[in-house]
Amino acid sequence: MKKLFSLLFAVVLVVSLLPISSTSAATKDLKVHFINVGQGDSILVQAPGGKNMLIDGGPKGAGDDVVAFLKSKGVKSLDYVVATHPDADHISGLIDVLNTFKVNHFIDSGKLILLKHT
């Protein structure tokens, strides 16, 4: 958990320093949303200026819920998607996310298994 928060802090810092994007939902404050995906993790970070980052996508059955949550927050594209590690309860829900949203940057641990993206 300590590594996840260190990674989250580093990525949030990088995202907050990037230029403003007009294709995403803008916010004045940094917002971190912990998405309820049951067993697993999924976190949406919305940085000032409209940058959006998704960390993990939960298990396979949570993909539709993650997509609906992102849409409810006004997300039209994702500047970053981070897959922290290749456990199914963290990355399987990303398949629906990748099929729904434009993703500018995908970051993984280097141990990511190949996701079927159709």
PDB file of N, CA and C in Angstrom:
ATOM      1  N   MET A   1       0.831  -1.185   0.000  1.00  0.00           N
ATOM      2  CA  MET A   1       0.000   0.000   0.000  1.00  0.00           C
ATOM      3  C   MET A   1       0.881   1.256   0.000  1.00  0.00           C
ATOM      4  N   LYS A   2       2.007   1.184   0.709  1.00  0.00           N
ATOM      5  CA  LYS A   2       2.913   2.320   0.761  1.00  0.00           C
ATOM      6  C   LYS A   2       3.462   2.640  -0.631  1.00  0.00           C
ATOM      7  N   LYS A   3       3.781   1.581  -1.411  1.00  0.00           N
ATOM      8  CA  LYS A   3       4.280   1.785  -2.764  1.00  0.00           C
ATOM      9  C   LYS A   3       3.221   2.420  -3.651  1.00  0.00           C
ATOM     10  N   LEU A   4       1.956   2.007  -3.477  1.00  0.00           N
ATOM     11  CA  LEU A   4       0.870   2.565  -4.278  1.00  0.00           C
ATOM     12  C   LEU A   4       0.721   4.056  -4.015  1.00  0.00           C
ATOM     13  N   PHE A   5       0.773   4.463  -2.748  1.00  0.00           N
ATOM     14  CA  PHE A   5       0.642   5.885  -2.431  1.00  0.00           C
ATOM     15  C   PHE A   5       1.850   6.679  -2.921  1.00  0.00           C
ATOM     16  N   SER A   6       3.037   6.095  -2.890  1.00  0.00           N
ATOM     17  CA  SER A   6       4.222   6.761  -3.434  1.00  0.00           C
ATOM     18  C   SER A   6       4.075   6.952  -4.933  1.00  0.00           C
ATOM     19  N   LEU A   7       3.609   5.902  -5.622  1.00  0.00           N
ATOM     20  CA  LEU A   7       3.374   5.986  -7.057  1.00  0.00           C
ATOM     21  C   LEU A   7       2.309   7.028  -7.363  1.00  0.00           C
ATOM     22  N   LEU A   8       1.215   6.998  -6.608  1.00  0.00           N
ATOM     23  CA  LEU A   8       0.135   7.962  -6.795  1.00  0.00           C
ATOM     24  C   LEU A   8       0.644   9.390  -6.635  1.00  0.00           C
ATOM     25  N   PHE A   9       1.425   9.646  -5.598  1.00  0.00           N
ATOM     26  CA  PHE A   9       1.967  10.980  -5.356  1.00  0.00           C
ATOM     27  C   PHE A   9       2.846  11.427  -6.514  1.00  0.00           C
ATOM     28  N   ALA A  10       3.721  10.547  -6.979  1.00  0.00           N
ATOM     29  CA  ALA A  10       4.626  10.899  -8.070  1.00  0.00           C
ATOM     30  C   ALA A  10       3.859  11.196  -9.354  1.00  0.00           C
ATOM     31  N   VAL A  11       2.875  10.382  -9.672  1.00  0.00           N
ATOM     32  CA  VAL A  11       2.114  10.581 -10.898  1.00  0.00           C
ATOM     33  C   VAL A  11       1.264  11.851 -10.807  1.00  0.00           C
ATOM     34  N   VAL A  12       0.662  12.097  -9.648  1.00  0.00           N
ATOM     35  CA  VAL A  12      -0.127  13.322  -9.463  1.00  0.00           C
ATOM     36  C   VAL A  12       0.754  14.547  -9.634  1.00  0.00           C
ATOM     37  N   LEU A  13       1.962  14.495  -9.110  1.00  0.00           N
ATOM     38  CA  LEU A  13       2.892  15.610  -9.260  1.00  0.00           C
ATOM     39  C   LEU A  13       3.207  15.856 -10.731  1.00  0.00           C
ATOM     40  N   VAL A  14       3.485  14.794 -11.470  1.00  0.00           N
ATOM     41  CA  VAL A  14       3.783  14.927 -12.897  1.00  0.00           C
ATOM     42  C   VAL A  14       2.577  15.481 -13.645  1.00  0.00           C
ATOM     43  N   VAL A  15       1.407  14.937 -13.386  1.00  0.00           N
ATOM     44  CA  VAL A  15       0.192  15.376 -14.083  1.00  0.00           C
ATOM     45  C   VAL A  15      -0.093  16.845 -13.799  1.00  0.00           C
ATOM     46  N   SER A  16       0.118  17.283 -12.579  1.00  0.00           N
ATOM     47  CA  SER A  16      -0.186  18.671 -12.230  1.00  0.00           C
ATOM     48  C   SER A  16       0.752  19.656 -12.917  1.00  0.00           C
ATOM     49  N   LEU A  17       1.896  19.191 -13.376  1.00  0.00           N
ATOM     50  CA  LEU A  17       2.843  20.060 -14.056  1.00  0.00           C
ATOM     51  C   LEU A  17       2.654  20.108 -15.563  1.00  0.00           C
ATOM     52  N   LEU A  18       1.784  19.276 -16.090  1.00  0.00           N
ATOM     53  CA  LEU A  18       1.576  19.210 -17.533  1.00  0.00           C
ATOM     54  C   LEU A  18       0.651  20.321 -18.007  1.00  0.00           C
ATOM     55  N   PRO A  19       0.720  20.661 -19.290  1.00  0.00           N
ATOM     56  CA  PRO A  19      -0.150  21.712 -19.824  1.00  0.00           C
ATOM     57  C   PRO A  19      -1.622  21.334 -19.777  1.00  0.00           C
ATOM     58  N   ILE A  20      -2.447  22.327 -19.850  1.00  0.00           N
ATOM     59  CA  ILE A  20      -3.898  22.150 -19.772  1.00  0.00           C
ATOM     60  C   ILE A  20      -4.413  21.439 -21.012  1.00  0.00           C
ATOM     61  N   SER A  21      -5.360  20.517 -20.818  1.00  0.00           N
ATOM     62  CA  SER A  21      -6.008  19.800 -21.916  1.00  0.00           C
ATOM     63  C   SER A  21      -7.449  20.271 -22.018  1.00  0.00           C
ATOM     64  N   SER A  22      -7.906  20.562 -23.212  1.00  0.00           N
ATOM     65  CA  SER A  22      -9.274  21.037 -23.381  1.00  0.00           C
ATOM     66  C   SER A  22     -10.258  19.906 -23.635  1.00  0.00           C
ATOM     67  N   THR A  23      -9.777  18.664 -23.737  1.00  0.00           N
ATOM     68  CA  THR A  23     -10.674  17.564 -24.068  1.00  0.00           C
ATOM     69  C   THR A  23     -11.203  16.828 -22.849  1.00  0.00           C
ATOM     70  N   SER A  24     -10.825  17.248 -21.660  1.00  0.00           N
ATOM     71  CA  SER A  24     -11.235  16.550 -20.460  1.00  0.00           C
ATOM     72  C   SER A  24     -12.018  17.481 -19.552  1.00  0.00           C
ATOM     73  N   ALA A  25     -12.713  16.882 -18.585  1.00  0.00           N
ATOM     74  CA  ALA A  25     -13.471  17.677 -17.628  1.00  0.00           C
ATOM     75  C   ALA A  25     -12.508  18.498 -16.777  1.00  0.00           C
ATOM     76  N   ALA A  26     -12.684  19.822 -16.747  1.00  0.00           N
ATOM     77  CA  ALA A  26     -11.787  20.706 -15.998  1.00  0.00           C
ATOM     78  C   ALA A  26     -12.247  20.840 -14.556  1.00  0.00           C
ATOM     79  N   THR A  27     -11.291  20.998 -13.660  1.00  0.00           N
ATOM     80  CA  THR A  27     -11.569  21.219 -12.256  1.00  0.00           C
ATOM     81  C   THR A  27     -10.551  22.222 -11.723  1.00  0.00           C
ATOM     82  N   LYS A  28     -10.929  23.009 -10.720  1.00  0.00           N
ATOM     83  CA  LYS A  28     -10.015  23.978 -10.118  1.00  0.00           C
ATOM     84  C   LYS A  28      -9.160  23.328  -9.051  1.00  0.00           C
ATOM     85  N   ASP A  29      -9.649  22.262  -8.458  1.00  0.00           N
ATOM     86  CA  ASP A  29      -8.959  21.591  -7.372  1.00  0.00           C
ATOM     87  C   ASP A  29      -8.544  20.188  -7.790  1.00  0.00           C
ATOM     88  N   LEU A  30      -7.502  19.688  -7.144  1.00  0.00           N
ATOM     89  CA  LEU A  30      -7.131  18.288  -7.344  1.00  0.00           C
ATOM     90  C   LEU A  30      -8.205  17.429  -6.689  1.00  0.00           C
ATOM     91  N   LYS A  31      -8.745  16.480  -7.440  1.00  0.00           N
ATOM     92  CA  LYS A  31      -9.772  15.582  -6.914  1.00  0.00           C
ATOM     93  C   LYS A  31      -9.316  14.151  -7.087  1.00  0.00           C
ATOM     94  N   VAL A  32      -9.453  13.356  -6.039  1.00  0.00           N
ATOM     95  CA  VAL A  32      -9.108  11.944  -6.080  1.00  0.00           C
ATOM     96  C   VAL A  32     -10.363  11.165  -5.710  1.00  0.00           C
ATOM     97  N   HIS A  33     -10.807  10.298  -6.613  1.00  0.00           N
ATOM     98  CA  HIS A  33     -12.012   9.499  -6.420  1.00  0.00           C
ATOM     99  C   HIS A  33     -11.620   8.030  -6.314  1.00  0.00           C
ATOM    100  N   PHE A  34     -11.983   7.399  -5.215  1.00  0.00           N
ATOM    101  CA  PHE A  34     -11.761   5.971  -5.049  1.00  0.00           C
ATOM    102  C   PHE A  34     -13.038   5.271  -5.503  1.00  0.00           C
ATOM    103  N   ILE A  35     -12.969   4.617  -6.650  1.00  0.00           N
ATOM    104  CA  ILE A  35     -14.139   4.027  -7.283  1.00  0.00           C
ATOM    105  C   ILE A  35     -14.421   2.667  -6.657  1.00  0.00           C
ATOM    106  N   ASN A  36     -15.668   2.444  -6.255  1.00  0.00           N
ATOM    107  CA  ASN A  36     -16.053   1.182  -5.641  1.00  0.00           C
ATOM    108  C   ASN A  36     -16.158   0.109  -6.724  1.00  0.00           C
ATOM    109  N   VAL A  37     -15.165  -0.781  -6.731  1.00  0.00           N
ATOM    110  CA  VAL A  37     -15.145  -1.869  -7.707  1.00  0.00           C
ATOM    111  C   VAL A  37     -15.176  -3.229  -7.019  1.00  0.00           C
ATOM    112  N   GLY A  38     -15.568  -3.247  -5.747  1.00  0.00           N
ATOM    113  CA  GLY A  38     -15.563  -4.507  -5.005  1.00  0.00           C
ATOM    114  C   GLY A  38     -14.147  -4.905  -4.685  1.00  0.00           C
ATOM    115  N   GLN A  39     -13.811  -6.166  -4.960  1.00  0.00           N
ATOM    116  CA  GLN A  39     -12.447  -6.645  -4.740  1.00  0.00           C
ATOM    117  C   GLN A  39     -11.533  -6.053  -5.805  1.00  0.00           C
ATOM    118  N   GLY A  40     -10.581  -5.239  -5.412  1.00  0.00           N
ATOM    119  CA  GLY A  40      -9.658  -4.619  -6.359  1.00  0.00           C
ATOM    120  C   GLY A  40      -9.587  -3.131  -6.138  1.00  0.00           C
ATOM    121  N   ASP A  41      -8.929  -2.448  -7.052  1.00  0.00           N
ATOM    122  CA  ASP A  41      -8.740  -1.005  -6.929  1.00  0.00           C
ATOM    123  C   ASP A  41      -9.026  -0.300  -8.238  1.00  0.00           C
ATOM    124  N   SER A  42      -9.495   0.931  -8.123  1.00  0.00           N
ATOM    125  CA  SER A  42      -9.637   1.829  -9.252  1.00  0.00           C
ATOM    126  C   SER A  42      -9.743   3.239  -8.699  1.00  0.00           C
ATOM    127  N   ILE A  43      -8.867   4.118  -9.164  1.00  0.00           N
ATOM    128  CA  ILE A  43      -8.784   5.478  -8.628  1.00  0.00           C
ATOM    129  C   ILE A  43      -8.752   6.452  -9.798  1.00  0.00           C
ATOM    130  N   LEU A  44      -9.610   7.454  -9.758  1.00  0.00           N
ATOM    131  CA  LEU A  44      -9.599   8.533 -10.742  1.00  0.00           C
ATOM    132  C   LEU A  44      -8.991   9.757 -10.092  1.00  0.00           C
ATOM    133  N   VAL A  45      -7.976  10.331 -10.735  1.00  0.00           N
ATOM    134  CA  VAL A  45      -7.365  11.570 -10.268  1.00  0.00           C
ATOM    135  C   VAL A  45      -7.665  12.630 -11.309  1.00  0.00           C
ATOM    136  N   GLN A  46      -8.294  13.718 -10.863  1.00  0.00           N
ATOM    137  CA  GLN A  46      -8.593  14.844 -11.737  1.00  0.00           C
ATOM    138  C   GLN A  46      -7.765  16.025 -11.254  1.00  0.00           C
ATOM    139  N   ALA A  47      -6.818  16.438 -12.084  1.00  0.00           N
ATOM    140  CA  ALA A  47      -5.898  17.508 -11.732  1.00  0.00           C
ATOM    141  C   ALA A  47      -6.441  18.855 -12.202  1.00  0.00           C
ATOM    142  N   PRO A  48      -6.029  19.932 -11.549  1.00  0.00           N
ATOM    143  CA  PRO A  48      -6.430  21.261 -12.017  1.00  0.00           C
ATOM    144  C   PRO A  48      -6.051  21.425 -13.488  1.00  0.00           C
ATOM    145  N   GLY A  49      -6.910  22.069 -14.225  1.00  0.00           N
ATOM    146  CA  GLY A  49      -6.642  22.283 -15.637  1.00  0.00           C
ATOM    147  C   GLY A  49      -7.207  21.210 -16.539  1.00  0.00           C
ATOM    148  N   GLY A  50      -7.861  20.197 -15.980  1.00  0.00           N
ATOM    149  CA  GLY A  50      -8.557  19.232 -16.808  1.00  0.00           C
ATOM    150  C   GLY A  50      -7.846  17.928 -17.100  1.00  0.00           C
ATOM    151  N   LYS A  51      -6.711  17.665 -16.492  1.00  0.00           N
ATOM    152  CA  LYS A  51      -6.028  16.390 -16.702  1.00  0.00           C
ATOM    153  C   LYS A  51      -6.722  15.293 -15.906  1.00  0.00           C
ATOM    154  N   ASN A  52      -6.888  14.124 -16.522  1.00  0.00           N
ATOM    155  CA  ASN A  52      -7.524  12.974 -15.878  1.00  0.00           C
ATOM    156  C   ASN A  52      -6.594  11.771 -15.938  1.00  0.00           C
ATOM    157  N   MET A  53      -6.466  11.092 -14.792  1.00  0.00           N
ATOM    158  CA  MET A  53      -5.640   9.898 -14.713  1.00  0.00           C
ATOM    159  C   MET A  53      -6.425   8.812 -13.999  1.00  0.00           C
ATOM    160  N   LEU A  54      -6.423   7.613 -14.572  1.00  0.00           N
ATOM    161  CA  LEU A  54      -7.057   6.467 -13.944  1.00  0.00           C
ATOM    162  C   LEU A  54      -5.970   5.505 -13.501  1.00  0.00           C
ATOM    163  N   ILE A  55      -6.022   5.113 -12.234  1.00  0.00           N
ATOM    164  CA  ILE A  55      -5.086   4.141 -11.693  1.00  0.00           C
ATOM    165  C   ILE A  55      -5.863   2.858 -11.454  1.00  0.00           C
ATOM    166  N   ASP A  56      -5.536   1.827 -12.209  1.00  0.00           N
ATOM    167  CA  ASP A  56      -6.175   0.518 -12.145  1.00  0.00           C
ATOM    168  C   ASP A  56      -7.646   0.603 -12.548  1.00  0.00           C
ATOM    169  N   GLY A  57      -8.227  -0.558 -12.840  1.00  0.00           N
ATOM    170  CA  GLY A  57      -9.605  -0.589 -13.327  1.00  0.00           C
ATOM    171  C   GLY A  57     -10.485  -1.614 -12.658  1.00  0.00           C
ATOM    172  N   GLY A  58      -9.978  -2.225 -11.579  1.00  0.00           N
ATOM    173  CA  GLY A  58     -10.781  -3.214 -10.876  1.00  0.00           C
ATOM    174  C   GLY A  58     -10.868  -4.526 -11.649  1.00  0.00           C
ATOM    175  N   PRO A  59     -11.685  -5.458 -11.143  1.00  0.00           N
ATOM    176  CA  PRO A  59     -11.840  -6.758 -11.802  1.00  0.00           C
ATOM    177  C   PRO A  59     -12.682  -6.648 -13.072  1.00  0.00           C
ATOM    178  N   LYS A  60     -12.719  -7.711 -13.847  1.00  0.00           N
ATOM    179  CA  LYS A  60     -13.421  -7.705 -15.134  1.00  0.00           C
ATOM    180  C   LYS A  60     -14.866  -7.229 -15.020  1.00  0.00           C
ATOM    181  N   GLY A  61     -15.591  -7.686 -14.047  1.00  0.00           N
ATOM    182  CA  GLY A  61     -16.991  -7.308 -13.899  1.00  0.00           C
ATOM    183  C   GLY A  61     -17.211  -5.852 -13.543  1.00  0.00           C
ATOM    184  N   ALA A  62     -16.164  -5.127 -13.178  1.00  0.00           N
ATOM    185  CA  ALA A  62     -16.294  -3.733 -12.771  1.00  0.00           C
ATOM    186  C   ALA A  62     -16.080  -2.753 -13.915  1.00  0.00           C
ATOM    187  N   GLY A  63     -15.680  -3.248 -15.076  1.00  0.00           N
ATOM    188  CA  GLY A  63     -15.368  -2.359 -16.196  1.00  0.00           C
ATOM    189  C   GLY A  63     -16.487  -1.412 -16.564  1.00  0.00           C
ATOM    190  N   ASP A  64     -17.709  -1.925 -16.658  1.00  0.00           N
ATOM    191  CA  ASP A  64     -18.855  -1.070 -16.996  1.00  0.00           C
ATOM    192  C   ASP A  64     -19.095  -0.009 -15.930  1.00  0.00           C
ATOM    193  N   ASP A  65     -18.917  -0.380 -14.656  1.00  0.00           N
ATOM    194  CA  ASP A  65     -19.104   0.573 -13.562  1.00  0.00           C
ATOM    195  C   ASP A  65     -18.043   1.668 -13.594  1.00  0.00           C
ATOM    196  N   VAL A  66     -16.812   1.294 -13.901  1.00  0.00           N
ATOM    197  CA  VAL A  66     -15.734   2.286 -13.992  1.00  0.00           C
ATOM    198  C   VAL A  66     -16.018   3.248 -15.136  1.00  0.00           C
ATOM    199  N   VAL A  67     -16.416   2.731 -16.286  1.00  0.00           N
ATOM    200  CA  VAL A  67     -16.746   3.580 -17.431  1.00  0.00           C
ATOM    201  C   VAL A  67     -17.886   4.533 -17.073  1.00  0.00           C
ATOM    202  N   ALA A  68     -18.945   4.026 -16.442  1.00  0.00           N
ATOM    203  CA  ALA A  68     -20.077   4.873 -16.054  1.00  0.00           C
ATOM    204  C   ALA A  68     -19.641   5.948 -15.066  1.00  0.00           C
ATOM    205  N   PHE A  69     -18.777   5.582 -14.115  1.00  0.00           N
ATOM    206  CA  PHE A  69     -18.294   6.566 -13.146  1.00  0.00           C
ATOM    207  C   PHE A  69     -17.497   7.662 -13.844  1.00  0.00           C
ATOM    208  N   LEU A  70     -16.603   7.272 -14.738  1.00  0.00           N
ATOM    209  CA  LEU A  70     -15.801   8.269 -15.452  1.00  0.00           C
ATOM    210  C   LEU A  70     -16.693   9.223 -16.239  1.00  0.00           C
ATOM    211  N   LYS A  71     -17.677   8.670 -16.925  1.00  0.00           N
ATOM    212  CA  LYS A  71     -18.605   9.523 -17.678  1.00  0.00           C
ATOM    213  C   LYS A  71     -19.376  10.452 -16.758  1.00  0.00           C
ATOM    214  N   SER A  72     -19.759   9.966 -15.567  1.00  0.00           N
ATOM    215  CA  SER A  72     -20.508  10.806 -14.622  1.00  0.00           C
ATOM    216  C   SER A  72     -19.666  11.971 -14.109  1.00  0.00           C
ATOM    217  N   LYS A  73     -18.360  11.846 -14.182  1.00  0.00           N
ATOM    218  CA  LYS A  73     -17.449  12.914 -13.752  1.00  0.00           C
ATOM    219  C   LYS A  73     -17.020  13.791 -14.922  1.00  0.00           C
ATOM    220  N   GLY A  74     -17.628  13.587 -16.085  1.00  0.00           N
ATOM    221  CA  GLY A  74     -17.352  14.431 -17.239  1.00  0.00           C
ATOM    222  C   GLY A  74     -16.099  14.062 -18.005  1.00  0.00           C
ATOM    223  N   VAL A  75     -15.558  12.893 -17.767  1.00  0.00           N
ATOM    224  CA  VAL A  75     -14.341  12.473 -18.458  1.00  0.00           C
ATOM    225  C   VAL A  75     -14.684  12.102 -19.895  1.00  0.00           C
ATOM    226  N   LYS A  76     -13.954  12.693 -20.833  1.00  0.00           N
ATOM    227  CA  LYS A  76     -14.132  12.389 -22.252  1.00  0.00           C
ATOM    228  C   LYS A  76     -12.920  11.640 -22.797  1.00  0.00           C
ATOM    229  N   SER A  77     -11.766  11.842 -22.162  1.00  0.00           N
ATOM    230  CA  SER A  77     -10.546  11.117 -22.516  1.00  0.00           C
ATOM    231  C   SER A  77      -9.688  11.039 -21.259  1.00  0.00           C
ATOM    232  N   LEU A  78      -8.723  10.143 -21.287  1.00  0.00           N
ATOM    233  CA  LEU A  78      -7.824   9.978 -20.148  1.00  0.00           C
ATOM    234  C   LEU A  78      -6.411  10.337 -20.585  1.00  0.00           C
ATOM    235  N   ASP A  79      -5.805  11.243 -19.843  1.00  0.00           N
ATOM    236  CA  ASP A  79      -4.443  11.635 -20.151  1.00  0.00           C
ATOM    237  C   ASP A  79      -3.468  10.520 -19.778  1.00  0.00           C
ATOM    238  N   TYR A  80      -3.751   9.844 -18.674  1.00  0.00           N
ATOM    239  CA  TYR A  80      -2.912   8.753 -18.208  1.00  0.00           C
ATOM    240  C   TYR A  80      -3.776   7.616 -17.680  1.00  0.00           C
ATOM    241  N   VAL A  81      -3.382   6.395 -17.990  1.00  0.00           N
ATOM    242  CA  VAL A  81      -3.919   5.211 -17.331  1.00  0.00           C
ATOM    243  C   VAL A  81      -2.706   4.484 -16.753  1.00  0.00           C
ATOM    244  N   VAL A  82      -2.785   4.176 -15.455  1.00  0.00           N
ATOM    245  CA  VAL A  82      -1.689   3.513 -14.760  1.00  0.00           C
ATOM    246  C   VAL A  82      -2.163   2.136 -14.303  1.00  0.00           C
ATOM    247  N   ALA A  83      -1.458   1.107 -14.728  1.00  0.00           N
ATOM    248  CA  ALA A  83      -1.715  -0.258 -14.258  1.00  0.00           C
ATOM    249  C   ALA A  83      -0.599  -0.586 -13.269  1.00  0.00           C
ATOM    250  N   THR A  84      -0.926  -0.603 -11.985  1.00  0.00           N
ATOM    251  CA  THR A  84       0.107  -0.747 -10.965  1.00  0.00           C
ATOM    252  C   THR A  84       0.779  -2.100 -10.973  1.00  0.00           C
ATOM    253  N   HIS A  85       0.002  -3.157 -11.219  1.00  0.00           N
ATOM    254  CA  HIS A  85       0.546  -4.510 -11.322  1.00  0.00           C
ATOM    255  C   HIS A  85      -0.504  -5.399 -11.987  1.00  0.00           C
ATOM    256  N   PRO A  86      -0.078  -6.552 -12.541  1.00  0.00           N
ATOM    257  CA  PRO A  86      -0.980  -7.319 -13.400  1.00  0.00           C
ATOM    258  C   PRO A  86      -1.947  -8.273 -12.703  1.00  0.00           C
ATOM    259  N   ASP A  87      -2.312  -8.030 -11.462  1.00  0.00           N
ATOM    260  CA  ASP A  87      -3.338  -8.864 -10.829  1.00  0.00           C
ATOM    261  C   ASP A  87      -4.688  -8.556 -11.463  1.00  0.00           C
ATOM    262  N   ALA A  88      -5.478  -9.590 -11.694  1.00  0.00           N
ATOM    263  CA  ALA A  88      -6.758  -9.441 -12.387  1.00  0.00           C
ATOM    264  C   ALA A  88      -7.696  -8.451 -11.698  1.00  0.00           C
ATOM    265  N   ASP A  89      -7.641  -8.358 -10.363  1.00  0.00           N
ATOM    266  CA  ASP A  89      -8.545  -7.449  -9.667  1.00  0.00           C
ATOM    267  C   ASP A  89      -8.112  -5.986  -9.758  1.00  0.00           C
ATOM    268  N   HIS A  90      -7.026  -5.726 -10.466  1.00  0.00           N
ATOM    269  CA  HIS A  90      -6.573  -4.351 -10.690  1.00  0.00           C
ATOM    270  C   HIS A  90      -6.653  -3.939 -12.153  1.00  0.00           C
ATOM    271  N   ILE A  91      -6.504  -4.889 -13.081  1.00  0.00           N
ATOM    272  CA  ILE A  91      -6.403  -4.484 -14.490  1.00  0.00           C
ATOM    273  C   ILE A  91      -7.507  -4.996 -15.414  1.00  0.00           C
ATOM    274  N   SER A  92      -8.257  -5.996 -15.003  1.00  0.00           N
ATOM    275  CA  SER A  92      -9.246  -6.570 -15.929  1.00  0.00           C
ATOM    276  C   SER A  92     -10.321  -5.576 -16.336  1.00  0.00           C
ATOM    277  N   GLY A  93     -10.724  -4.692 -15.436  1.00  0.00           N
ATOM    278  CA  GLY A  93     -11.720  -3.673 -15.765  1.00  0.00           C
ATOM    279  C   GLY A  93     -11.215  -2.631 -16.747  1.00  0.00           C
ATOM    280  N   LEU A  94      -9.895  -2.589 -16.949  1.00  0.00           N
ATOM    281  CA  LEU A  94      -9.330  -1.618 -17.884  1.00  0.00           C
ATOM    282  C   LEU A  94      -9.705  -1.922 -19.330  1.00  0.00           C
ATOM    283  N   ILE A  95     -10.064  -3.158 -19.630  1.00  0.00           N
ATOM    284  CA  ILE A  95     -10.421  -3.510 -21.006  1.00  0.00           C
ATOM    285  C   ILE A  95     -11.595  -2.655 -21.474  1.00  0.00           C
ATOM    286  N   ASP A  96     -12.636  -2.542 -20.658  1.00  0.00           N
ATOM    287  CA  ASP A  96     -13.789  -1.710 -21.024  1.00  0.00           C
ATOM    288  C   ASP A  96     -13.408  -0.241 -21.110  1.00  0.00           C
ATOM    289  N   VAL A  97     -12.531   0.208 -20.229  1.00  0.00           N
ATOM    290  CA  VAL A  97     -12.074   1.600 -20.251  1.00  0.00           C
ATOM    291  C   VAL A  97     -11.332   1.892 -21.546  1.00  0.00           C
ATOM    292  N   LEU A  98     -10.412   1.003 -21.923  1.00  0.00           N
ATOM    293  CA  LEU A  98      -9.630   1.204 -23.146  1.00  0.00           C
ATOM    294  C   LEU A  98     -10.497   1.138 -24.394  1.00  0.00           C
ATOM    295  N   ASN A  99     -11.586   0.391 -24.344  1.00  0.00           N
ATOM    296  CA  ASN A  99     -12.507   0.308 -25.487  1.00  0.00           C
ATOM    297  C   ASN A  99     -13.444   1.504 -25.570  1.00  0.00           C
ATOM    298  N   THR A 100     -13.498   2.317 -24.517  1.00  0.00           N
ATOM    299  CA  THR A 100     -14.449   3.427 -24.460  1.00  0.00           C
ATOM    300  C   THR A 100     -13.792   4.796 -24.600  1.00  0.00           C
ATOM    301  N   PHE A 101     -12.616   4.977 -24.008  1.00  0.00           N
ATOM    302  CA  PHE A 101     -11.986   6.293 -23.946  1.00  0.00           C
ATOM    303  C   PHE A 101     -10.672   6.335 -24.717  1.00  0.00           C
ATOM    304  N   LYS A 102     -10.377   7.497 -25.264  1.00  0.00           N
ATOM    305  CA  LYS A 102      -9.053   7.746 -25.816  1.00  0.00           C
ATOM    306  C   LYS A 102      -8.098   7.861 -24.633  1.00  0.00           C
ATOM    307  N   VAL A 103      -6.972   7.169 -24.714  1.00  0.00           N
ATOM    308  CA  VAL A 103      -5.953   7.203 -23.666  1.00  0.00           C
ATOM    309  C   VAL A 103      -4.666   7.731 -24.285  1.00  0.00           C
ATOM    310  N   ASN A 104      -4.152   8.813 -23.723  1.00  0.00           N
ATOM    311  CA  ASN A 104      -2.937   9.423 -24.274  1.00  0.00           C
ATOM    312  C   ASN A 104      -1.659   8.709 -23.832  1.00  0.00           C
ATOM    313  N   HIS A 105      -1.608   8.257 -22.589  1.00  0.00           N
ATOM    314  CA  HIS A 105      -0.414   7.598 -22.064  1.00  0.00           C
ATOM    315  C   HIS A 105      -0.833   6.422 -21.195  1.00  0.00           C
ATOM    316  N   PHE A 106      -0.192   5.276 -21.423  1.00  0.00           N
ATOM    317  CA  PHE A 106      -0.457   4.089 -20.615  1.00  0.00           C
ATOM    318  C   PHE A 106       0.830   3.727 -19.890  1.00  0.00           C
ATOM    319  N   ILE A 107       0.762   3.647 -18.564  1.00  0.00           N
ATOM    320  CA  ILE A 107       1.934   3.358 -17.745  1.00  0.00           C
ATOM    321  C   ILE A 107       1.690   2.063 -16.989  1.00  0.00           C
ATOM    322  N   ASP A 108       2.674   1.154 -17.050  1.00  0.00           N
ATOM    323  CA  ASP A 108       2.538  -0.089 -16.296  1.00  0.00           C
ATOM    324  C   ASP A 108       3.853  -0.418 -15.613  1.00  0.00           C
ATOM    325  N   SER A 109       3.845  -1.435 -14.789  1.00  0.00           N
ATOM    326  CA  SER A 109       4.985  -1.806 -13.977  1.00  0.00           C
ATOM    327  C   SER A 109       6.063  -2.536 -14.767  1.00  0.00           C
ATOM    328  N   GLY A 110       5.798  -2.869 -16.007  1.00  0.00           N
ATOM    329  CA  GLY A 110       6.731  -3.665 -16.796  1.00  0.00           C
ATOM    330  C   GLY A 110       6.468  -5.145 -16.661  1.00  0.00           C
ATOM    331  N   LYS A 111       5.517  -5.495 -15.805  1.00  0.00           N
ATOM    332  CA  LYS A 111       5.145  -6.893 -15.590  1.00  0.00           C
ATOM    333  C   LYS A 111       3.728  -7.148 -16.086  1.00  0.00           C
ATOM    334  N   LEU A 112       3.210  -6.253 -16.880  1.00  0.00           N
ATOM    335  CA  LEU A 112       1.827  -6.334 -17.332  1.00  0.00           C
ATOM    336  C   LEU A 112       1.665  -7.451 -18.354  1.00  0.00           C
ATOM    337  N   ILE A 113       0.619  -8.243 -18.145  1.00  0.00           N
ATOM    338  CA  ILE A 113       0.298  -9.268 -19.135  1.00  0.00           C
ATOM    339  C   ILE A 113      -0.450  -8.616 -20.286  1.00  0.00           C
ATOM    340  N   LEU A 114      -0.472  -9.247 -21.417  1.00  0.00           N
ATOM    341  CA  LEU A 114      -1.135  -8.707 -22.580  1.00  0.00           C
ATOM    342  C   LEU A 114      -2.653  -8.723 -22.379  1.00  0.00           C
ATOM    343  N   LEU A 115      -3.284  -7.561 -22.509  1.00  0.00           N
ATOM    344  CA  LEU A 115      -4.739  -7.454 -22.429  1.00  0.00           C
ATOM    345  C   LEU A 115      -5.310  -7.598 -23.831  1.00  0.00           C
ATOM    346  N   LYS A 116      -6.377  -8.347 -23.953  1.00  0.00           N
ATOM    347  CA  LYS A 116      -7.046  -8.450 -25.252  1.00  0.00           C
ATOM    348  C   LYS A 116      -7.874  -7.185 -25.442  1.00  0.00           C
ATOM    349  N   HIS A 117      -7.503  -6.372 -26.405  1.00  0.00           N
ATOM    350  CA  HIS A 117      -8.157  -5.092 -26.672  1.00  0.00           C
ATOM    351  C   HIS A 117      -8.794  -5.182 -28.050  1.00  0.00           C
ATOM    352  N   THR A 118     -10.116  -5.402 -28.074  1.00  0.00           N
ATOM    353  CA  THR A 118     -10.798  -5.553 -29.362  1.00  0.00           C
ATOM    354  C   THR A 118     -11.630  -4.353 -29.686  1.00  0.00           C
TER     355      THR A 118
END
